[in-house]
Protein backbone atom coordinates (compact mmCIF):
# COMPACT_ATOMS: atom_id res chain seq x y z
CA UNK A 1 61.48 -7.25 37.51
CA UNK A 2 62.91 -5.88 34.31
CA UNK A 3 59.48 -4.63 33.36
CA UNK A 4 58.74 -3.53 36.79
CA UNK A 5 62.00 -1.61 36.76
CA UNK A 6 61.21 0.46 33.52
CA UNK A 7 57.56 1.33 34.70
CA UNK A 8 58.64 2.06 38.06
CA UNK A 9 61.83 4.30 36.36
CA UNK A 10 58.89 6.46 34.53
CA UNK A 11 57.54 7.01 38.25
CA UNK A 12 54.19 7.32 39.53
CA UNK A 13 52.63 9.47 37.14
CA UNK A 14 53.61 7.04 34.23
CA UNK A 15 52.35 4.27 35.42
CA UNK A 16 49.07 5.89 36.41
CA UNK A 17 48.80 7.43 32.85
CA UNK A 18 49.44 3.85 31.47
CA UNK A 19 46.48 2.50 33.54
CA UNK A 20 44.61 5.58 32.78
CA UNK A 21 44.85 4.56 29.15
CA UNK A 22 44.24 0.97 29.82
CA UNK A 23 40.66 2.35 31.57
CA UNK A 24 39.68 4.51 28.62
CA UNK A 25 40.20 1.82 26.15
CA UNK A 26 37.85 -0.17 27.88
CA UNK A 27 35.12 2.16 28.24
CA UNK A 28 35.60 3.07 24.67
CA UNK A 29 35.24 -0.68 23.74
CA UNK A 30 31.98 -0.83 25.73
CA UNK A 31 30.80 2.54 24.60
CA UNK A 32 31.39 1.39 20.96
CA UNK A 33 29.30 -1.92 21.54
CA UNK A 34 26.48 -0.10 23.19
CA UNK A 35 26.67 2.01 20.38
CA UNK A 36 26.49 -0.85 17.77
CA UNK A 37 23.31 -2.50 19.67
CA UNK A 38 21.58 0.81 19.58
CA UNK A 39 22.12 1.39 15.93
CA UNK A 40 21.05 -2.24 15.24
CA UNK A 41 17.93 -1.91 17.02
CA UNK A 42 17.31 1.61 15.47
CA UNK A 43 17.74 0.20 11.65
CA UNK A 44 15.28 -3.01 12.67
CA UNK A 45 12.92 -0.21 14.04
CA UNK A 46 12.89 1.87 11.11
CA UNK A 47 13.01 -1.36 9.01
CA UNK A 48 9.48 -2.62 10.87
CA UNK A 49 8.01 0.79 9.98
CA UNK A 50 8.76 0.78 6.30
CA UNK A 51 6.99 -2.88 6.20
CA UNK A 52 4.27 -1.78 8.20
CA UNK A 53 3.80 1.40 6.05
CA UNK A 54 4.00 -0.78 2.70
CA UNK A 55 1.63 -3.44 4.19
CA UNK A 56 -1.18 -0.64 4.96
CA UNK A 57 -0.91 0.70 1.74
CA UNK A 58 -0.99 -2.91 0.28
CA UNK A 59 -4.31 -3.53 2.46
CA UNK A 60 -5.96 -0.27 2.04
CA UNK A 61 -5.96 -1.11 -1.95
CA UNK A 62 -6.49 -4.56 -1.94
CA UNK A 63 -9.44 -4.45 0.49
CA UNK A 64 -10.78 -1.60 -0.67
CA UNK A 65 -10.25 -1.53 -4.33
CA UNK A 66 -9.78 -4.90 -5.69
CA UNK A 67 -12.45 -6.82 -3.48
CA UNK A 68 -14.71 -3.78 -3.73
CA UNK A 69 -14.23 -4.54 -7.78
CA UNK A 70 -14.92 -8.06 -7.09
CA UNK A 71 -18.11 -7.17 -5.69
CA UNK A 72 -19.13 -4.83 -8.02
CA UNK A 73 -19.19 -7.43 -10.98
CA UNK A 74 -21.10 -9.69 -8.53
CA UNK A 75 -23.50 -7.07 -7.95
CA UNK A 76 -23.77 -6.29 -11.66
CA UNK A 77 -24.36 -9.88 -12.41
CA UNK A 78 -27.30 -10.27 -9.61
CA UNK A 79 -28.86 -6.80 -11.01
CA UNK A 80 -28.90 -8.39 -14.41
CA UNK A 81 -30.09 -11.68 -13.01
CA UNK A 82 -33.11 -9.61 -11.24
CA UNK A 83 -33.70 -7.51 -14.14
CA UNK A 84 -32.14 -4.54 -12.40
CA UNK A 85 -34.32 -4.41 -9.60
CA UNK A 86 -32.08 -2.33 -6.93
CA UNK A 87 -29.67 -0.77 -9.55
CA UNK A 88 -28.55 1.63 -6.61
CA UNK A 89 -26.89 -1.41 -5.04
CA UNK A 90 -24.14 -1.07 -8.39
CA UNK A 91 -23.78 2.36 -8.30
CA UNK A 92 -23.24 2.70 -4.32
CA UNK A 93 -20.54 -0.29 -4.73
CA UNK A 94 -18.94 1.87 -7.76
CA UNK A 95 -19.00 4.56 -4.91
CA UNK A 96 -17.09 2.18 -2.49
CA UNK A 97 -14.91 1.37 -5.01
CA UNK A 98 -13.82 5.12 -6.40
CA UNK A 99 -13.27 5.93 -2.23
CA UNK A 100 -11.32 3.25 -2.10
CA UNK A 101 -9.09 3.98 -5.08
CA UNK A 102 -9.00 7.75 -3.73
CA UNK A 103 -8.09 6.96 0.15
CA UNK A 104 -5.38 4.06 -1.75
CA UNK A 105 -3.87 7.06 -3.69
CA UNK A 106 -3.80 9.60 -0.62
CA UNK A 107 -2.45 6.88 1.55
CA UNK A 108 0.24 6.26 -0.96
CA UNK A 109 1.46 9.73 -1.51
CA UNK A 110 1.23 10.64 2.41
CA UNK A 111 3.29 7.47 3.14
CA UNK A 112 5.52 8.13 0.19
CA UNK A 113 5.06 4.27 -0.65
CA UNK A 114 3.05 4.69 -3.90
CA UNK A 115 5.18 4.88 -7.10
CA UNK A 116 4.58 7.76 -9.66
CA UNK A 117 3.58 5.08 -12.64
CA UNK A 118 1.16 3.20 -9.89
CA UNK A 119 -0.32 6.66 -8.77
CA UNK A 120 -0.74 7.35 -12.39
CA UNK A 121 -2.58 3.85 -13.15
CA UNK A 122 -4.88 4.65 -10.20
CA UNK A 123 -5.86 8.21 -11.24
CA UNK A 124 -6.64 7.16 -14.67
CA UNK A 125 -9.23 4.24 -13.20
CA UNK A 126 -10.61 6.57 -10.98
CA UNK A 127 -11.37 8.84 -13.77
CA UNK A 128 -12.57 5.98 -16.06
CA UNK A 129 -14.77 4.29 -13.36
CA UNK A 130 -15.94 7.95 -12.35
CA UNK A 131 -17.41 8.02 -15.92
CA UNK A 132 -20.20 5.55 -14.79
CA UNK A 133 -23.10 6.90 -12.94
CA UNK A 134 -22.69 6.28 -8.64
CA UNK A 135 -24.75 7.71 -5.94
CA UNK A 136 -23.84 10.99 -4.07
CA UNK A 137 -24.51 11.07 -0.51
CA UNK A 138 -28.39 10.77 0.48
CA UNK A 139 -29.32 11.01 -3.42
CA UNK A 140 -29.53 7.71 -5.98
CA UNK A 141 -28.86 8.01 -9.26
CA UNK A 142 -31.34 6.66 -11.89
CA UNK A 143 -29.91 4.19 -14.40
CA UNK A 144 -30.97 4.73 -18.23
CA UNK A 145 -31.16 1.98 -20.57
CA UNK A 146 -27.66 2.82 -21.85
CA UNK A 147 -26.06 3.23 -18.32
CA UNK A 148 -27.34 -0.67 -17.68
CA UNK A 149 -25.65 -1.72 -21.00
CA UNK A 150 -22.52 0.42 -19.97
CA UNK A 151 -22.52 -1.48 -15.97
CA UNK A 152 -22.68 -4.87 -18.12
CA UNK A 153 -20.18 -3.96 -20.29
CA UNK A 154 -17.95 -3.06 -17.34
CA UNK A 155 -18.72 -6.22 -16.05
CA UNK A 156 -17.64 -8.42 -18.72
CA UNK A 157 -14.47 -6.22 -18.73
CA UNK A 158 -13.70 -6.82 -14.89
CA UNK A 159 -14.23 -10.91 -15.65
CA UNK A 160 -11.87 -10.48 -18.35
CA UNK A 161 -9.04 -8.62 -16.48
CA UNK A 162 -9.87 -11.48 -13.54
CA UNK A 163 -11.54 -9.27 -11.24
CA UNK A 164 -15.22 -11.36 -10.50
CA UNK A 165 -17.00 -14.19 -8.08
CA UNK A 166 -15.42 -17.24 -8.52
CA UNK A 167 -12.42 -16.24 -9.83
CA UNK A 168 -9.36 -16.91 -7.82
CA UNK A 169 -7.42 -13.22 -7.32
CA UNK A 170 -4.24 -12.55 -6.13
CA UNK A 171 -4.11 -10.38 -2.82
CA UNK A 172 -0.92 -8.50 -3.87
CA UNK A 173 0.10 -5.12 -4.48
CA UNK A 174 1.83 -6.11 -8.23
CA UNK A 175 -1.35 -8.49 -9.35
CA UNK A 176 -3.42 -5.84 -8.35
CA UNK A 177 -1.83 -3.10 -10.20
CA UNK A 178 -1.73 -5.28 -13.44
CA UNK A 179 -5.68 -5.76 -13.46
CA UNK A 180 -5.54 -1.67 -12.76
CA UNK A 181 -3.92 -1.43 -15.93
CA UNK A 182 -5.82 -3.99 -17.87
CA UNK A 183 -8.49 -1.85 -17.01
CA UNK A 184 -7.48 1.10 -18.11
CA UNK A 185 -6.56 -0.30 -21.42
CA UNK A 186 -9.92 -2.08 -21.69
CA UNK A 187 -12.77 0.89 -20.61
CA UNK A 188 -13.74 3.09 -22.82
CA UNK A 189 -13.46 7.05 -22.38
CA UNK A 190 -15.77 8.39 -22.87
CA UNK A 191 -18.11 5.64 -22.35
CA UNK A 192 -20.81 6.88 -24.97
């Protein structure tokens, strides 16, 4: 009864104030936990978005460039075996590789997921591969004997860095950038 006496001696207003603080404290706790929960959800959404952006960048470069370089090596080998019967298969595939590199650089820049070093490597690779004859839209290039010889050397270089048919390749970004860097070192500039 001593405690009740002290509360009642403060009067009705003191009791209401004391009860009001307790309710406010409970409200603050609920709001605090709701805020924590929403922040965790927001962080998870942002993390998921970053992971998806990196996945998109890697998939563009791996599928549009790495796999196309493997196909290019295979097409060059096929044309060597067929005495360059359809050389435009090679020049068209090289165009696909160049488009893939350009798409990868553009996507990486726009998403902010491509490092300056990786971008520099891709720019150099684009420049070095662009010196080979490649087709324009609705117009095929005629290859000279020297062009064919250069493509044959490119095929050997692709195989040396691990890009070719019947060669196991690692489909991740670090491996691809490493291969692109080796290609940059091995491809002559200018070709002739």
